[in-house]
C-alpha atoms as a PDB file:
ATOM      1  CA  MET A   1      80.275 134.179 101.713  1.00  0.00           C
ATOM      2  CA  SER A   2      83.998 134.206 102.419  1.00  0.00           C
ATOM      3  CA  GLN A   3      86.873 134.752 100.014  1.00  0.00           C
ATOM      4  CA  THR A   4      88.190 131.697  98.210  1.00  0.00           C
ATOM      5  CA  TYR A   5      91.791 132.903  97.963  1.00  0.00           C
ATOM      6  CA  LYS A   6      93.591 133.461 101.255  1.00  0.00           C
ATOM      7  CA  PRO A   7      97.279 133.718 100.373  1.00  0.00           C
ATOM      8  CA  LYS A   8      99.833 131.928 102.526  1.00  0.00           C
ATOM      9  CA  ASN A   9     103.481 131.746 101.506  1.00  0.00           C
ATOM     10  CA  LYS A  10     104.056 128.318 103.070  1.00  0.00           C
ATOM     11  CA  LYS A  11     101.123 126.772 101.204  1.00  0.00           C
ATOM     12  CA  ARG A  12     102.300 128.472  98.008  1.00  0.00           C
ATOM     13  CA  LYS A  13     105.794 126.995  98.317  1.00  0.00           C
ATOM     14  CA  THR A  14     104.688 123.496  99.331  1.00  0.00           C
ATOM     15  CA  THR A  15     102.187 123.252  96.474  1.00  0.00           C
ATOM     16  CA  HIS A  16     103.845 125.091  93.597  1.00  0.00           C
ATOM     17  CA  GLY A  17     107.503 125.370  94.670  1.00  0.00           C
ATOM     18  CA  PHE A  18     110.473 124.296  92.578  1.00  0.00           C
ATOM     19  CA  LEU A  19     111.483 121.398  94.834  1.00  0.00           C
ATOM     20  CA  VAL A  20     107.937 120.042  94.839  1.00  0.00           C
ATOM     21  CA  ARG A  21     107.801 120.255  91.041  1.00  0.00           C
ATOM     22  CA  MET A  22     111.078 118.378  90.699  1.00  0.00           C
ATOM     23  CA  ARG A  23     109.796 115.472  92.806  1.00  0.00           C
ATOM     24  CA  LYS A  24     107.539 114.010  90.138  1.00  0.00           C
ATOM     25  CA  SER A  25     108.201 113.397  86.466  1.00  0.00           C
ATOM     26  CA  SER A  26     105.077 115.366  85.576  1.00  0.00           C
ATOM     27  CA  GLY A  27     106.354 118.278  87.643  1.00  0.00           C
ATOM     28  CA  LYS A  28     109.724 118.080  85.900  1.00  0.00           C
ATOM     29  CA  ASN A  29     107.852 118.321  82.610  1.00  0.00           C
ATOM     30  CA  VAL A  30     106.172 121.500  83.830  1.00  0.00           C
ATOM     31  CA  ILE A  31     109.566 123.045  84.606  1.00  0.00           C
ATOM     32  CA  LEU A  32     111.029 121.916  81.282  1.00  0.00           C
ATOM     33  CA  ARG A  33     108.025 123.246  79.380  1.00  0.00           C
ATOM     34  CA  ARG A  34     108.411 126.618  81.052  1.00  0.00           C
ATOM     35  CA  LEU A  35     112.165 126.622  80.330  1.00  0.00           C
ATOM     36  CA  ARG A  36     111.512 125.910  76.656  1.00  0.00           C
ATOM     37  CA  LYS A  37     108.877 128.630  76.524  1.00  0.00           C
ATOM     38  CA  GLY A  38     111.422 131.055  77.953  1.00  0.00           C
ATOM     39  CA  ARG A  39     109.671 131.969  81.172  1.00  0.00           C
ATOM     40  CA  LYS A  40     111.610 134.178  83.554  1.00  0.00           C
ATOM     41  CA  LYS A  41     110.033 132.417  86.551  1.00  0.00           C
ATOM     42  CA  LEU A  42     109.957 128.634  86.358  1.00  0.00           C
ATOM     43  CA  SER A  43     108.068 128.160  89.598  1.00  0.00           C
ATOM     44  CA  VAL A  44     107.037 130.006  92.757  1.00  0.00           C
END
């Protein structure tokens, strides 16, 4: 059996990046929620 997590920076950015999050209203909500919570990192 192979590993399920094979990290790739490009994939990470294109799936969880800030610009991707800002594209949809649901993604914007994620960012806002994290801002309100006081997270140091809002996205990847």
